């Protein structure tokens, strides 16, 4: 990095809270990415994409866990992440149950028992 840029050599690839340039940029970056993730989370939930809800909630939880005073928001993200994972698994389970019932039902109707 050029002298006087406010960032040290470690920041070529990553942001570091200990680097002055990165520390100055971190709050703005957090606000920008959190708003983008919140918009994407809302769109994913509206579209029923629970995998995307889970991914965006996980990303937001990780970012917010590092912010003083944002622990409740991070916990809400954890709950969203867990709820989305549960919803995906519940849907898979119900689809499996439905498959079993349909196979039994269709096998009976195919044998003339219906």
Protein backbone atom coordinates (compact mmCIF):
# COMPACT_ATOMS: atom_id res chain seq x y z
CA UNK A 1 0.00 0.00 0.00
CA UNK A 2 1.24 3.52 -0.65
CA UNK A 3 2.66 5.37 2.34
CA UNK A 4 0.05 7.49 4.08
CA UNK A 5 -2.88 5.54 2.63
CA UNK A 6 -4.10 4.58 6.10
CA UNK A 7 -3.94 0.84 5.32
CA UNK A 8 -1.09 -1.55 6.03
CA UNK A 9 0.37 -4.30 3.85
CA UNK A 10 -1.93 -7.01 5.33
CA UNK A 11 -4.90 -5.33 3.68
CA UNK A 12 -3.97 -6.29 0.15
CA UNK A 13 -6.39 -9.22 0.40
CA UNK A 14 -8.44 -8.74 3.59
CA UNK A 15 -9.88 -6.05 5.81
CA UNK A 16 -8.46 -5.86 9.32
CA UNK A 17 -10.06 -4.00 12.22
CA UNK A 18 -6.57 -3.11 13.47
CA UNK A 19 -5.72 -1.31 10.22
CA UNK A 20 -6.72 2.34 10.34
CA UNK A 21 -7.91 2.44 6.73
CA UNK A 22 -10.00 -0.69 7.18
CA UNK A 23 -11.39 0.45 10.53
CA UNK A 24 -12.51 3.72 8.93
CA UNK A 25 -14.21 1.89 6.04
CA UNK A 26 -15.77 -0.90 8.13
CA UNK A 27 -18.90 0.95 9.41
CA UNK A 28 -19.87 2.15 5.94
CA UNK A 29 -19.26 -1.29 4.47
CA UNK A 30 -21.34 -2.90 7.24
CA UNK A 31 -24.25 -0.54 6.59
CA UNK A 32 -24.07 -1.12 2.84
CA UNK A 33 -23.85 -4.92 3.02
CA UNK A 34 -26.42 -5.21 5.82
CA UNK A 35 -29.00 -3.22 3.82
CA UNK A 36 -28.26 -5.30 0.72
CA UNK A 37 -28.59 -8.54 2.70
CA UNK A 38 -31.81 -7.36 4.34
CA UNK A 39 -33.30 -6.57 0.91
CA UNK A 40 -32.16 -9.97 -0.41
CA UNK A 41 -33.52 -11.69 2.71
CA UNK A 42 -36.90 -10.04 2.21
CA UNK A 43 -36.99 -11.01 -1.47
CA UNK A 44 -35.98 -14.59 -0.68
CA UNK A 45 -38.67 -14.92 1.99
CA UNK A 46 -41.26 -13.41 -0.36
CA UNK A 47 -40.28 -15.93 -3.02
CA UNK A 48 -40.29 -18.86 -0.60
CA UNK A 49 -36.55 -19.53 -1.12
CA UNK A 50 -35.68 -20.80 2.34
CA UNK A 51 -32.13 -21.76 1.32
CA UNK A 52 -31.48 -18.12 0.40
CA UNK A 53 -33.18 -16.93 3.61
CA UNK A 54 -30.88 -19.21 5.57
CA UNK A 55 -27.76 -17.99 3.72
CA UNK A 56 -28.55 -14.27 4.08
CA UNK A 57 -29.53 -14.62 7.74
CA UNK A 58 -26.27 -16.50 8.40
CA UNK A 59 -24.20 -13.81 6.70
CA UNK A 60 -25.98 -11.02 8.57
CA UNK A 61 -25.64 -12.85 11.88
CA UNK A 62 -21.89 -13.11 11.44
CA UNK A 63 -21.52 -9.44 10.62
CA UNK A 64 -23.84 -8.22 13.36
CA UNK A 65 -22.23 -10.42 16.01
CA UNK A 66 -19.13 -8.22 15.67
CA UNK A 67 -21.02 -4.97 16.33
CA UNK A 68 -21.45 -3.62 19.84
CA UNK A 69 -25.14 -3.25 20.61
CA UNK A 70 -26.32 -5.49 17.76
CA UNK A 71 -26.54 -8.75 19.68
CA UNK A 72 -30.35 -8.79 19.57
CA UNK A 73 -30.27 -8.30 15.80
CA UNK A 74 -27.69 -11.09 15.51
CA UNK A 75 -29.95 -13.34 17.60
CA UNK A 76 -32.92 -12.57 15.33
CA UNK A 77 -30.76 -13.57 12.38
CA UNK A 78 -29.84 -16.81 14.17
CA UNK A 79 -33.54 -17.51 14.70
CA UNK A 80 -34.30 -16.76 11.04
CA UNK A 81 -31.48 -19.04 9.96
CA UNK A 82 -32.69 -21.86 12.19
CA UNK A 83 -36.32 -21.34 11.18
CA UNK A 84 -35.44 -21.46 7.49
CA UNK A 85 -33.43 -24.65 8.01
CA UNK A 86 -36.38 -26.16 9.90
CA UNK A 87 -38.80 -25.12 7.13
CA UNK A 88 -36.64 -26.74 4.46
CA UNK A 89 -36.35 -29.96 6.46
CA UNK A 90 -40.08 -29.97 7.30
CA UNK A 91 -40.94 -29.56 3.62
CA UNK A 92 -38.61 -32.43 2.72
CA UNK A 93 -40.19 -34.60 5.40
CA UNK A 94 -43.74 -33.80 4.24
CA UNK A 95 -42.78 -34.50 0.63
CA UNK A 96 -41.39 -37.86 1.73
CA UNK A 97 -44.61 -38.62 3.64
CA UNK A 98 -46.69 -37.58 0.64
CA UNK A 99 -44.65 -39.84 -1.63
CA UNK A 100 -45.31 -42.84 0.65
CA UNK A 101 -49.06 -42.13 0.80
CA UNK A 102 -49.31 -41.62 -2.95
CA UNK A 103 -47.39 -44.79 -3.70
CA UNK A 104 -49.73 -46.76 -1.42
CA UNK A 105 -52.83 -45.04 -2.76
CA UNK A 106 -51.85 -45.44 -6.40
CA UNK A 107 -50.83 -49.06 -5.88
CA UNK A 108 -54.29 -49.79 -4.41
CA UNK A 109 -56.14 -48.04 -7.20
CA UNK A 110 -54.02 -49.82 -9.79
CA UNK A 111 -54.95 -53.21 -8.35
CA UNK A 112 -58.70 -52.59 -8.58
CA UNK A 113 -59.19 -52.26 -4.79
CA UNK A 114 -60.43 -48.67 -4.94
